[in-house]
C-alpha atoms as a PDB file:
ATOM      1  CA  MET A   1      27.075 -67.322  80.236  1.00  0.00           C
ATOM      2  CA  LYS A   2      29.785 -69.349  80.987  1.00  0.00           C
ATOM      3  CA  GLY A   3      31.771 -68.631  78.544  1.00  0.00           C
ATOM      4  CA  SER A   4      31.486 -64.639  79.163  1.00  0.00           C
ATOM      5  CA  ILE A   5      32.000 -65.461  82.712  1.00  0.00           C
ATOM      6  CA  LEU A   6      35.286 -67.436  81.809  1.00  0.00           C
ATOM      7  CA  LEU A   7      36.297 -64.991  79.390  1.00  0.00           C
ATOM      8  CA  LEU A   8      35.791 -61.818  82.190  1.00  0.00           C
ATOM      9  CA  LEU A   9      37.880 -63.978  84.573  1.00  0.00           C
ATOM     10  CA  ALA A  10      41.033 -64.779  81.790  1.00  0.00           C
ATOM     11  CA  CYS A  11      40.717 -60.810  81.321  1.00  0.00           C
ATOM     12  CA  ALA A  12      41.363 -60.252  84.710  1.00  0.00           C
ATOM     13  CA  ALA A  13      44.175 -62.804  85.361  1.00  0.00           C
ATOM     14  CA  VAL A  14      45.606 -61.372  82.303  1.00  0.00           C
ATOM     15  CA  LEU A  15      45.456 -57.765  84.111  1.00  0.00           C
ATOM     16  CA  ALA A  16      46.487 -58.966  87.252  1.00  0.00           C
ATOM     17  CA  ALA A  17      49.901 -60.305  85.572  1.00  0.00           C
ATOM     18  CA  THR A  18      50.341 -57.367  83.614  1.00  0.00           C
ATOM     19  CA  ALA A  19      50.371 -55.500  86.837  1.00  0.00           C
ATOM     20  CA  ARG A  20      52.032 -57.853  88.837  1.00  0.00           C
ATOM     21  CA  ALA A  21      54.776 -58.779  86.634  1.00  0.00           C
ATOM     22  CA  ASP A  22      58.782 -56.958  86.578  1.00  0.00           C
ATOM     23  CA  ARG A  23      60.144 -54.853  83.844  1.00  0.00           C
ATOM     24  CA  SER A  24      62.964 -57.429  84.293  1.00  0.00           C
ATOM     25  CA  GLU A  25      60.644 -60.429  84.051  1.00  0.00           C
ATOM     26  CA  GLN A  26      61.178 -62.807  80.798  1.00  0.00           C
ATOM     27  CA  PRO A  27      57.610 -62.795  78.448  1.00  0.00           C
ATOM     28  CA  GLU A  28      57.687 -66.607  79.405  1.00  0.00           C
ATOM     29  CA  ALA A  29      57.188 -66.223  83.119  1.00  0.00           C
ATOM     30  CA  LEU A  30      54.378 -63.731  82.707  1.00  0.00           C
ATOM     31  CA  VAL A  31      52.517 -66.261  80.062  1.00  0.00           C
ATOM     32  CA  ARG A  32      53.044 -68.981  82.760  1.00  0.00           C
ATOM     33  CA  LYS A  33      51.149 -67.021  85.585  1.00  0.00           C
ATOM     34  CA  VAL A  34      48.120 -65.815  82.852  1.00  0.00           C
ATOM     35  CA  GLN A  35      48.213 -69.802  82.081  1.00  0.00           C
ATOM     36  CA  GLU A  36      47.476 -70.540  86.017  1.00  0.00           C
ATOM     37  CA  TYR A  37      45.277 -67.258  86.668  1.00  0.00           C
ATOM     38  CA  ALA A  38      43.197 -68.862  83.798  1.00  0.00           C
ATOM     39  CA  GLN A  39      43.620 -72.506  85.043  1.00  0.00           C
ATOM     40  CA  LYS A  40      42.275 -71.477  88.299  1.00  0.00           C
ATOM     41  CA  ALA A  41      39.525 -68.903  87.246  1.00  0.00           C
ATOM     42  CA  SER A  42      38.485 -72.029  85.358  1.00  0.00           C
ATOM     43  CA  ALA A  43      38.107 -74.431  88.472  1.00  0.00           C
ATOM     44  CA  MET A  44      36.613 -71.681  89.592  1.00  0.00           C
ATOM     45  CA  VAL A  45      33.873 -71.421  87.454  1.00  0.00           C
ATOM     46  CA  LYS A  46      33.331 -75.383  86.611  1.00  0.00           C
ATOM     47  CA  GLY A  47      33.179 -75.925  90.420  1.00  0.00           C
ATOM     48  CA  ALA A  48      30.227 -73.140  90.925  1.00  0.00           C
ATOM     49  CA  PHE A  49      28.651 -74.450  87.978  1.00  0.00           C
ATOM     50  CA  ASN A  50      28.944 -78.033  89.829  1.00  0.00           C
ATOM     51  CA  THR A  51      27.777 -76.779  92.421  1.00  0.00           C
ATOM     52  CA  LEU A  52      24.522 -75.165  90.656  1.00  0.00           C
ATOM     53  CA  GLN A  53      23.616 -78.405  88.965  1.00  0.00           C
ATOM     54  CA  GLU A  54      23.859 -80.376  92.192  1.00  0.00           C
ATOM     55  CA  SER A  55      21.467 -77.504  94.002  1.00  0.00           C
ATOM     56  CA  GLU A  56      18.085 -78.783  95.025  1.00  0.00           C
ATOM     57  CA  MET A  57      16.655 -76.491  92.790  1.00  0.00           C
ATOM     58  CA  ALA A  58      18.226 -77.751  89.811  1.00  0.00           C
ATOM     59  CA  GLN A  59      17.297 -81.353  90.837  1.00  0.00           C
ATOM     60  CA  GLN A  60      14.045 -80.115  91.067  1.00  0.00           C
ATOM     61  CA  ALA A  61      13.535 -78.945  88.053  1.00  0.00           C
ATOM     62  CA  ARG A  62      15.078 -81.799  85.874  1.00  0.00           C
ATOM     63  CA  ARG A  63      12.386 -83.973  87.925  1.00  0.00           C
ATOM     64  CA  TRP A  64       9.414 -81.651  86.601  1.00  0.00           C
ATOM     65  CA  LEU A  65      10.576 -81.866  83.311  1.00  0.00           C
ATOM     66  CA  SER A  66      11.227 -85.531  82.947  1.00  0.00           C
ATOM     67  CA  ASP A  67       7.624 -86.201  84.648  1.00  0.00           C
ATOM     68  CA  ASN A  68       5.998 -83.571  82.315  1.00  0.00           C
ATOM     69  CA  ALA A  69       7.849 -84.272  79.273  1.00  0.00           C
ATOM     70  CA  GLU A  70       5.287 -87.432  78.149  1.00  0.00           C
ATOM     71  CA  LEU A  71       2.184 -84.466  78.221  1.00  0.00           C
ATOM     72  CA  ALA A  72       3.956 -81.935  75.884  1.00  0.00           C
ATOM     73  CA  ARG A  73       4.674 -84.655  73.671  1.00  0.00           C
ATOM     74  CA  GLN A  74       1.504 -85.777  73.748  1.00  0.00           C
ATOM     75  CA  GLN A  75      -0.066 -82.010  73.624  1.00  0.00           C
ATOM     76  CA  LEU A  76       2.337 -81.991  70.588  1.00  0.00           C
ATOM     77  CA  ALA A  77       0.825 -84.548  68.911  1.00  0.00           C
ATOM     78  CA  ARG A  78      -2.326 -83.286  69.120  1.00  0.00           C
ATOM     79  CA  LEU A  79      -1.584 -80.006  67.914  1.00  0.00           C
ATOM     80  CA  LYS A  80       0.010 -81.620  64.943  1.00  0.00           C
ATOM     81  CA  GLN A  81      -3.066 -83.477  64.277  1.00  0.00           C
ATOM     82  CA  GLN A  82      -5.291 -80.951  64.660  1.00  0.00           C
ATOM     83  CA  LEU A  83      -2.776 -78.288  61.769  1.00  0.00           C
ATOM     84  CA  ALA A  84      -2.642 -81.615  59.472  1.00  0.00           C
ATOM     85  CA  GLU A  85      -7.024 -81.321  59.937  1.00  0.00           C
ATOM     86  CA  LEU A  86      -7.153 -77.837  59.218  1.00  0.00           C
ATOM     87  CA  TRP A  87      -4.831 -78.072  56.156  1.00  0.00           C
ATOM     88  CA  LYS A  88      -6.906 -80.160  54.987  1.00  0.00           C
ATOM     89  CA  ARG A  89      -9.488 -78.109  54.861  1.00  0.00           C
ATOM     90  CA  THR A  90      -8.207 -75.142  53.294  1.00  0.00           C
ATOM     91  CA  PRO A  91      -8.823 -75.383  49.621  1.00  0.00           C
ATOM     92  CA  ALA A  92      -5.648 -74.701  47.414  1.00  0.00           C
ATOM     93  CA  ALA A  93      -5.435 -71.829  45.992  1.00  0.00           C
END
């Protein structure tokens, strides 16, 4: 998702720079404008993701995952044991 948002913003920056460019303007100036727009867009996206990561909901999700990681490991070990026992009982073909 991060990549698609960044690509969308970069495309919008290219279109905006192209629309604002004068015919007499050099290609280097256009490239600089596109780079500036892309840098601003990238900074905005990074800021949005940082805000999301710092949100209360994200912190709660991380706490829940860390609290339940051991339970998940125990259940996975039990499932592996059951599959191993089932494998032993299955006759060879």
